[in-house]
Amino acid sequence: REIPAHLAHIAEGIQDSGTTRQEARTLLAHHATA
């Protein structure tokens, strides 16, 4: 499924800060259900 642009931007910030992929998935899932 497509990721909204603002969530993709958040994901980029997560990668820059060195967050693990699992943490990124958790955070994105959290935003998706908010």
C-alpha atoms as a PDB file:
ATOM      1  CA  ARG A   1       0.000   0.000   0.000  1.00  0.00           C
ATOM      2  CA  GLU A   2       1.049   3.587  -0.553  1.00  0.00           C
ATOM      3  CA  ILE A   3       2.651   5.549   2.275  1.00  0.00           C
ATOM      4  CA  PRO A   4       1.368   9.137   2.683  1.00  0.00           C
ATOM      5  CA  ALA A   5       4.000  11.778   1.925  1.00  0.00           C
ATOM      6  CA  HIS A   6       4.149  13.094   5.493  1.00  0.00           C
ATOM      7  CA  LEU A   7       4.730   9.584   6.839  1.00  0.00           C
ATOM      8  CA  ALA A   8       7.438   8.966   4.250  1.00  0.00           C
ATOM      9  CA  HIS A   9       9.091  12.171   5.465  1.00  0.00           C
ATOM     10  CA  ILE A  10       8.896  10.920   9.059  1.00  0.00           C
ATOM     11  CA  ALA A  11      10.454   7.634   7.940  1.00  0.00           C
ATOM     12  CA  GLU A  12      13.372   9.522   6.386  1.00  0.00           C
ATOM     13  CA  GLY A  13      13.927  11.358   9.658  1.00  0.00           C
ATOM     14  CA  ILE A  14      13.855   8.044  11.521  1.00  0.00           C
ATOM     15  CA  GLN A  15      16.535   6.612   9.234  1.00  0.00           C
ATOM     16  CA  ASP A  16      18.665   9.742   9.678  1.00  0.00           C
ATOM     17  CA  SER A  17      18.474   9.435  13.459  1.00  0.00           C
ATOM     18  CA  GLY A  18      19.618   5.804  13.289  1.00  0.00           C
ATOM     19  CA  THR A  19      16.358   4.246  14.443  1.00  0.00           C
ATOM     20  CA  THR A  20      16.069   0.567  13.586  1.00  0.00           C
ATOM     21  CA  ARG A  21      13.693  -0.675  10.904  1.00  0.00           C
ATOM     22  CA  GLN A  22      11.515  -2.364  13.532  1.00  0.00           C
ATOM     23  CA  GLU A  23      11.194   0.864  15.503  1.00  0.00           C
ATOM     24  CA  ALA A  24      10.384   2.699  12.292  1.00  0.00           C
ATOM     25  CA  ARG A  25       7.599   0.220  11.475  1.00  0.00           C
ATOM     26  CA  THR A  26       6.183   0.602  14.983  1.00  0.00           C
ATOM     27  CA  LEU A  27       6.218   4.389  14.768  1.00  0.00           C
ATOM     28  CA  LEU A  28       4.664   4.411  11.304  1.00  0.00           C
ATOM     29  CA  ALA A  29       1.953   2.005  12.437  1.00  0.00           C
ATOM     30  CA  HIS A  30       1.320   4.305  15.395  1.00  0.00           C
ATOM     31  CA  HIS A  31       0.917   7.313  13.105  1.00  0.00           C
ATOM     32  CA  ALA A  32      -1.267   5.365  10.671  1.00  0.00           C
ATOM     33  CA  THR A  33      -3.795   4.554  13.408  1.00  0.00           C
ATOM     34  CA  ALA A  34      -3.721   7.969  15.095  1.00  0.00           C
END
